[in-house]
Amino acid sequence: MSEAGAASKALPVVEVTAKDLPLYCPNPTMPLWSSHPRVFLDVEADGEALCPYCGTRYRLAGGAGKGSH
């Protein structure tokens, strides 16, 4: 397995639902000490989004296009 493939498996994955939208990171369950600037993520388009700061992967339950908007 490549180094990039191994790294992507190690990243945390957070499953979210339509009630969690609009989605942002850091999310409310993350500890304050590990905070970074808040960034809003578009998870509705592809069903997944990756935080550019911490690498947390967010996955929309039900997949793309299932939001309430």
PDB file of N, CA and C in Angstrom:
ATOM      1  N   MET A   1       0.843  -1.170   0.000  1.00  0.00           N
ATOM      2  CA  MET A   1       0.000   0.000   0.000  1.00  0.00           C
ATOM      3  C   MET A   1       0.892   1.238   0.000  1.00  0.00           C
ATOM      4  N   SER A   2       0.504   2.268  -0.756  1.00  0.00           N
ATOM      5  CA  SER A   2       1.290   3.485  -0.833  1.00  0.00           C
ATOM      6  C   SER A   2       1.199   4.263   0.475  1.00  0.00           C
ATOM      7  N   GLU A   3       2.120   5.195   0.644  1.00  0.00           N
ATOM      8  CA  GLU A   3       2.117   6.021   1.848  1.00  0.00           C
ATOM      9  C   GLU A   3       0.845   6.859   1.926  1.00  0.00           C
ATOM     10  N   ALA A   4       0.386   7.386   0.793  1.00  0.00           N
ATOM     11  CA  ALA A   4      -0.847   8.181   0.767  1.00  0.00           C
ATOM     12  C   ALA A   4      -2.047   7.319   1.132  1.00  0.00           C
ATOM     13  N   GLY A   5      -2.093   6.091   0.667  1.00  0.00           N
ATOM     14  CA  GLY A   5      -3.197   5.185   0.988  1.00  0.00           C
ATOM     15  C   GLY A   5      -3.226   4.848   2.465  1.00  0.00           C
ATOM     16  N   ALA A   6      -2.063   4.652   3.054  1.00  0.00           N
ATOM     17  CA  ALA A   6      -1.989   4.356   4.479  1.00  0.00           C
ATOM     18  C   ALA A   6      -2.421   5.560   5.297  1.00  0.00           C
ATOM     19  N   ALA A   7      -2.038   6.760   4.859  1.00  0.00           N
ATOM     20  CA  ALA A   7      -2.409   7.971   5.592  1.00  0.00           C
ATOM     21  C   ALA A   7      -3.903   8.206   5.544  1.00  0.00           C
ATOM     22  N   SER A   8      -4.546   7.946   4.410  1.00  0.00           N
ATOM     23  CA  SER A   8      -5.979   8.204   4.299  1.00  0.00           C
ATOM     24  C   SER A   8      -6.785   7.266   5.183  1.00  0.00           C
ATOM     25  N   LYS A   9      -6.289   6.059   5.435  1.00  0.00           N
ATOM     26  CA  LYS A   9      -6.993   5.132   6.315  1.00  0.00           C
ATOM     27  C   LYS A   9      -6.878   5.561   7.772  1.00  0.00           C
ATOM     28  N   ALA A  10      -5.846   6.310   8.124  1.00  0.00           N
ATOM     29  CA  ALA A  10      -5.625   6.721   9.498  1.00  0.00           C
ATOM     30  C   ALA A  10      -6.438   7.959   9.878  1.00  0.00           C
ATOM     31  N   LEU A  11      -6.980   8.670   8.896  1.00  0.00           N
ATOM     32  CA  LEU A  11      -7.725   9.893   9.182  1.00  0.00           C
ATOM     33  C   LEU A  11      -9.052   9.572   9.841  1.00  0.00           C
ATOM     34  N   PRO A  12      -9.456  10.414  10.808  1.00  0.00           N
ATOM     35  CA  PRO A  12     -10.753  10.201  11.449  1.00  0.00           C
ATOM     36  C   PRO A  12     -11.903  10.437  10.476  1.00  0.00           C
ATOM     37  N   VAL A  13     -12.996   9.693  10.636  1.00  0.00           N
ATOM     38  CA  VAL A  13     -14.195   9.869   9.819  1.00  0.00           C
ATOM     39  C   VAL A  13     -15.361  10.167  10.755  1.00  0.00           C
ATOM     40  N   VAL A  14     -16.091  11.242  10.449  1.00  0.00           N
ATOM     41  CA  VAL A  14     -17.237  11.643  11.244  1.00  0.00           C
ATOM     42  C   VAL A  14     -18.460  11.558  10.351  1.00  0.00           C
ATOM     43  N   GLU A  15     -19.426  10.724  10.725  1.00  0.00           N
ATOM     44  CA  GLU A  15     -20.664  10.635   9.952  1.00  0.00           C
ATOM     45  C   GLU A  15     -21.629  11.704  10.445  1.00  0.00           C
ATOM     46  N   VAL A  16     -22.182  12.463   9.492  1.00  0.00           N
ATOM     47  CA  VAL A  16     -23.109  13.544   9.817  1.00  0.00           C
ATOM     48  C   VAL A  16     -24.431  13.313   9.099  1.00  0.00           C
ATOM     49  N   THR A  17     -25.468  13.971   9.587  1.00  0.00           N
ATOM     50  CA  THR A  17     -26.786  13.886   8.968  1.00  0.00           C
ATOM     51  C   THR A  17     -27.211  15.280   8.511  1.00  0.00           C
ATOM     52  N   ALA A  18     -28.342  15.361   7.840  1.00  0.00           N
ATOM     53  CA  ALA A  18     -28.846  16.637   7.344  1.00  0.00           C
ATOM     54  C   ALA A  18     -29.058  17.640   8.471  1.00  0.00           C
ATOM     55  N   LYS A  19     -29.373  17.164   9.675  1.00  0.00           N
ATOM     56  CA  LYS A  19     -29.587  18.087  10.802  1.00  0.00           C
ATOM     57  C   LYS A  19     -28.288  18.750  11.256  1.00  0.00           C
ATOM     58  N   ASP A  20     -27.129  18.218  10.851  1.00  0.00           N
ATOM     59  CA  ASP A  20     -25.829  18.794  11.205  1.00  0.00           C
ATOM     60  C   ASP A  20     -25.395  19.900  10.243  1.00  0.00           C
ATOM     61  N   LEU A  21     -26.166  20.140   9.196  1.00  0.00           N
ATOM     62  CA  LEU A  21     -25.807  21.139   8.191  1.00  0.00           C
ATOM     63  C   LEU A  21     -26.264  22.518   8.633  1.00  0.00           C
ATOM     64  N   PRO A  22     -25.558  23.594   8.343  1.00  0.00           N
ATOM     65  CA  PRO A  22     -24.310  23.612   7.587  1.00  0.00           C
ATOM     66  C   PRO A  22     -23.169  23.018   8.413  1.00  0.00           C
ATOM     67  N   LEU A  23     -22.319  22.295   7.740  1.00  0.00           N
ATOM     68  CA  LEU A  23     -21.234  21.557   8.380  1.00  0.00           C
ATOM     69  C   LEU A  23     -20.002  22.433   8.523  1.00  0.00           C
ATOM     70  N   TYR A  24     -19.377  22.355   9.700  1.00  0.00           N
ATOM     71  CA  TYR A  24     -18.128  23.086   9.909  1.00  0.00           C
ATOM     72  C   TYR A  24     -17.188  22.261  10.766  1.00  0.00           C
ATOM     73  N   CYS A  25     -15.922  22.591  10.660  1.00  0.00           N
ATOM     74  CA  CYS A  25     -14.873  21.961  11.447  1.00  0.00           C
ATOM     75  C   CYS A  25     -14.030  23.075  12.045  1.00  0.00           C
ATOM     76  N   PRO A  26     -13.600  22.984  13.299  1.00  0.00           N
ATOM     77  CA  PRO A  26     -13.784  21.868  14.206  1.00  0.00           C
ATOM     78  C   PRO A  26     -15.236  21.753  14.650  1.00  0.00           C
ATOM     79  N   ASN A  27     -15.670  20.516  14.820  1.00  0.00           N
ATOM     80  CA  ASN A  27     -17.053  20.284  15.231  1.00  0.00           C
ATOM     81  C   ASN A  27     -17.170  20.416  16.751  1.00  0.00           C
ATOM     82  N   PRO A  28     -18.380  20.552  17.265  1.00  0.00           N
ATOM     83  CA  PRO A  28     -18.579  20.794  18.704  1.00  0.00           C
ATOM     84  C   PRO A  28     -18.031  19.703  19.623  1.00  0.00           C
ATOM     85  N   THR A  29     -17.799  18.495  19.120  1.00  0.00           N
ATOM     86  CA  THR A  29     -17.291  17.427  19.981  1.00  0.00           C
ATOM     87  C   THR A  29     -15.770  17.408  20.081  1.00  0.00           C
ATOM     88  N   MET A  30     -15.091  18.226  19.282  1.00  0.00           N
ATOM     89  CA  MET A  30     -13.622  18.239  19.319  1.00  0.00           C
ATOM     90  C   MET A  30     -13.133  19.024  20.519  1.00  0.00           C
ATOM     91  N   PRO A  31     -12.049  18.567  21.155  1.00  0.00           N
ATOM     92  CA  PRO A  31     -11.523  19.271  22.328  1.00  0.00           C
ATOM     93  C   PRO A  31     -10.971  20.646  21.953  1.00  0.00           C
ATOM     94  N   LEU A  32     -11.104  21.587  22.865  1.00  0.00           N
ATOM     95  CA  LEU A  32     -10.676  22.956  22.625  1.00  0.00           C
ATOM     96  C   LEU A  32      -9.188  23.049  22.289  1.00  0.00           C
ATOM     97  N   TRP A  33      -8.352  22.225  22.911  1.00  0.00           N
ATOM     98  CA  TRP A  33      -6.911  22.307  22.698  1.00  0.00           C
ATOM     99  C   TRP A  33      -6.511  21.979  21.262  1.00  0.00           C
ATOM    100  N   SER A  34      -7.354  21.247  20.546  1.00  0.00           N
ATOM    101  CA  SER A  34      -6.983  20.861  19.181  1.00  0.00           C
ATOM    102  C   SER A  34      -7.705  21.707  18.128  1.00  0.00           C
ATOM    103  N   SER A  35      -8.232  22.856  18.541  1.00  0.00           N
ATOM    104  CA  SER A  35      -9.006  23.703  17.633  1.00  0.00           C
ATOM    105  C   SER A  35      -8.133  24.369  16.580  1.00  0.00           C
ATOM    106  N   HIS A  36      -8.763  24.663  15.471  1.00  0.00           N
ATOM    107  CA  HIS A  36      -8.163  25.429  14.386  1.00  0.00           C
ATOM    108  C   HIS A  36      -9.232  26.404  13.915  1.00  0.00           C
ATOM    109  N   PRO A  37      -8.933  27.329  13.012  1.00  0.00           N
ATOM    110  CA  PRO A  37      -9.967  28.257  12.548  1.00  0.00           C
ATOM    111  C   PRO A  37     -11.167  27.498  11.982  1.00  0.00           C
ATOM    112  N   ARG A  38     -12.374  28.013  12.231  1.00  0.00           N
ATOM    113  CA  ARG A  38     -13.588  27.359  11.739  1.00  0.00           C
ATOM    114  C   ARG A  38     -13.642  27.464  10.215  1.00  0.00           C
ATOM    115  N   VAL A  39     -13.921  26.332   9.598  1.00  0.00           N
ATOM    116  CA  VAL A  39     -14.064  26.279   8.148  1.00  0.00           C
ATOM    117  C   VAL A  39     -15.358  25.534   7.842  1.00  0.00           C
ATOM    118  N   PHE A  40     -16.155  26.088   6.933  1.00  0.00           N
ATOM    119  CA  PHE A  40     -17.391  25.438   6.528  1.00  0.00           C
ATOM    120  C   PHE A  40     -17.092  24.498   5.370  1.00  0.00           C
ATOM    121  N   LEU A  41     -17.704  23.313   5.407  1.00  0.00           N
ATOM    122  CA  LEU A  41     -17.420  22.269   4.426  1.00  0.00           C
ATOM    123  C   LEU A  41     -18.687  21.882   3.675  1.00  0.00           C
ATOM    124  N   ASP A  42     -18.569  21.712   2.359  1.00  0.00           N
ATOM    125  CA  ASP A  42     -19.690  21.304   1.523  1.00  0.00           C
ATOM    126  C   ASP A  42     -19.695  19.787   1.400  1.00  0.00           C
ATOM    127  N   VAL A  43     -20.483  19.145   2.232  1.00  0.00           N
ATOM    128  CA  VAL A  43     -20.568  17.689   2.230  1.00  0.00           C
ATOM    129  C   VAL A  43     -21.725  17.201   1.357  1.00  0.00           C
ATOM    130  N   GLU A  44     -22.643  18.092   1.000  1.00  0.00           N
ATOM    131  CA  GLU A  44     -23.825  17.695   0.240  1.00  0.00           C
ATOM    132  C   GLU A  44     -23.514  17.316  -1.204  1.00  0.00           C
ATOM    133  N   ALA A  45     -22.568  17.970  -1.822  1.00  0.00           N
ATOM    134  CA  ALA A  45     -22.283  17.752  -3.241  1.00  0.00           C
ATOM    135  C   ALA A  45     -21.786  16.330  -3.528  1.00  0.00           C
ATOM    136  N   ASP A  46     -20.794  15.871  -2.769  1.00  0.00           N
ATOM    137  CA  ASP A  46     -20.169  14.570  -3.024  1.00  0.00           C
ATOM    138  C   ASP A  46     -20.467  13.520  -1.969  1.00  0.00           C
ATOM    139  N   GLY A  47     -21.103  13.927  -0.873  1.00  0.00           N
ATOM    140  CA  GLY A  47     -21.370  12.985   0.205  1.00  0.00           C
ATOM    141  C   GLY A  47     -20.223  12.896   1.192  1.00  0.00           C
ATOM    142  N   GLU A  48     -19.089  13.533   0.876  1.00  0.00           N
ATOM    143  CA  GLU A  48     -17.932  13.560   1.767  1.00  0.00           C
ATOM    144  C   GLU A  48     -17.231  14.899   1.641  1.00  0.00           C
ATOM    145  N   ALA A  49     -16.543  15.287   2.706  1.00  0.00           N
ATOM    146  CA  ALA A  49     -15.722  16.494   2.688  1.00  0.00           C
ATOM    147  C   ALA A  49     -14.538  16.269   3.619  1.00  0.00           C
ATOM    148  N   LEU A  50     -13.428  16.884   3.298  1.00  0.00           N
ATOM    149  CA  LEU A  50     -12.198  16.744   4.064  1.00  0.00           C
ATOM    150  C   LEU A  50     -11.798  18.105   4.608  1.00  0.00           C
ATOM    151  N   CYS A  51     -11.544  18.178   5.914  1.00  0.00           N
ATOM    152  CA  CYS A  51     -11.111  19.432   6.517  1.00  0.00           C
ATOM    153  C   CYS A  51      -9.681  19.733   6.073  1.00  0.00           C
ATOM    154  N   PRO A  52      -9.445  20.925   5.506  1.00  0.00           N
ATOM    155  CA  PRO A  52      -8.090  21.255   5.057  1.00  0.00           C
ATOM    156  C   PRO A  52      -7.102  21.507   6.192  1.00  0.00           C
ATOM    157  N   TYR A  53      -7.587  21.721   7.408  1.00  0.00           N
ATOM    158  CA  TYR A  53      -6.705  21.985   8.546  1.00  0.00           C
ATOM    159  C   TYR A  53      -6.275  20.705   9.259  1.00  0.00           C
ATOM    160  N   CYS A  54      -7.229  19.888   9.656  1.00  0.00           N
ATOM    161  CA  CYS A  54      -6.889  18.736  10.501  1.00  0.00           C
ATOM    162  C   CYS A  54      -7.030  17.392   9.790  1.00  0.00           C
ATOM    163  N   GLY A  55      -7.624  17.378   8.597  1.00  0.00           N
ATOM    164  CA  GLY A  55      -7.743  16.134   7.841  1.00  0.00           C
ATOM    165  C   GLY A  55      -8.925  15.275   8.231  1.00  0.00           C
ATOM    166  N   THR A  56      -9.787  15.764   9.112  1.00  0.00           N
ATOM    167  CA  THR A  56     -10.968  14.987   9.478  1.00  0.00           C
ATOM    168  C   THR A  56     -11.859  14.840   8.247  1.00  0.00           C
ATOM    169  N   ARG A  57     -12.293  13.618   7.997  1.00  0.00           N
ATOM    170  CA  ARG A  57     -13.179  13.346   6.866  1.00  0.00           C
ATOM    171  C   ARG A  57     -14.607  13.264   7.399  1.00  0.00           C
ATOM    172  N   TYR A  58     -15.483  14.023   6.774  1.00  0.00           N
ATOM    173  CA  TYR A  58     -16.899  14.027   7.131  1.00  0.00           C
ATOM    174  C   TYR A  58     -17.660  13.293   6.040  1.00  0.00           C
ATOM    175  N   ARG A  59     -18.573  12.413   6.450  1.00  0.00           N
ATOM    176  CA  ARG A  59     -19.362  11.621   5.507  1.00  0.00           C
ATOM    177  C   ARG A  59     -20.835  11.841   5.817  1.00  0.00           C
ATOM    178  N   LEU A  60     -21.601  12.198   4.778  1.00  0.00           N
ATOM    179  CA  LEU A  60     -23.029  12.443   4.921  1.00  0.00           C
ATOM    180  C   LEU A  60     -23.788  11.126   4.909  1.00  0.00           C
ATOM    181  N   ALA A  61     -24.524  10.841   5.971  1.00  0.00           N
ATOM    182  CA  ALA A  61     -25.324   9.608   6.043  1.00  0.00           C
ATOM    183  C   ALA A  61     -26.343   9.639   4.900  1.00  0.00           C
ATOM    184  N   GLY A  62     -26.397   8.584   4.139  1.00  0.00           N
ATOM    185  CA  GLY A  62     -27.312   8.522   3.004  1.00  0.00           C
ATOM    186  C   GLY A  62     -26.682   8.975   1.708  1.00  0.00           C
ATOM    187  N   GLY A  63     -25.497   9.574   1.756  1.00  0.00           N
ATOM    188  CA  GLY A  63     -24.798   9.978   0.553  1.00  0.00           C
ATOM    189  C   GLY A  63     -25.149  11.361   0.054  1.00  0.00           C
ATOM    190  N   ALA A  64     -24.606  11.694  -1.095  1.00  0.00           N
ATOM    191  CA  ALA A  64     -24.782  13.016  -1.697  1.00  0.00           C
ATOM    192  C   ALA A  64     -26.209  13.251  -2.119  1.00  0.00           C
ATOM    193  N   GLY A  65     -26.613  14.522  -2.067  1.00  0.00           N
ATOM    194  CA  GLY A  65     -27.925  14.913  -2.551  1.00  0.00           C
ATOM    195  C   GLY A  65     -29.081  14.538  -1.642  1.00  0.00           C
ATOM    196  N   LYS A  66     -28.816  14.119  -0.417  1.00  0.00           N
ATOM    197  CA  LYS A  66     -29.884  13.705   0.498  1.00  0.00           C
ATOM    198  C   LYS A  66     -30.179  14.754   1.552  1.00  0.00           C
ATOM    199  N   GLY A  67     -29.630  15.957   1.412  1.00  0.00           N
ATOM    200  CA  GLY A  67     -29.807  17.010   2.400  1.00  0.00           C
ATOM    201  C   GLY A  67     -31.221  17.555   2.401  1.00  0.00           C
ATOM    202  N   SER A  68     -31.508  18.411   3.360  1.00  0.00           N
ATOM    203  CA  SER A  68     -32.853  18.976   3.499  1.00  0.00           C
ATOM    204  C   SER A  68     -33.026  20.261   2.708  1.00  0.00           C
ATOM    205  N   HIS A  69     -32.014  20.680   1.979  1.00  0.00           N
ATOM    206  CA  HIS A  69     -32.090  21.946   1.247  1.00  0.00           C
ATOM    207  C   HIS A  69     -32.511  21.728  -0.170  1.00  0.00           C
TER     208      HIS A  69
END
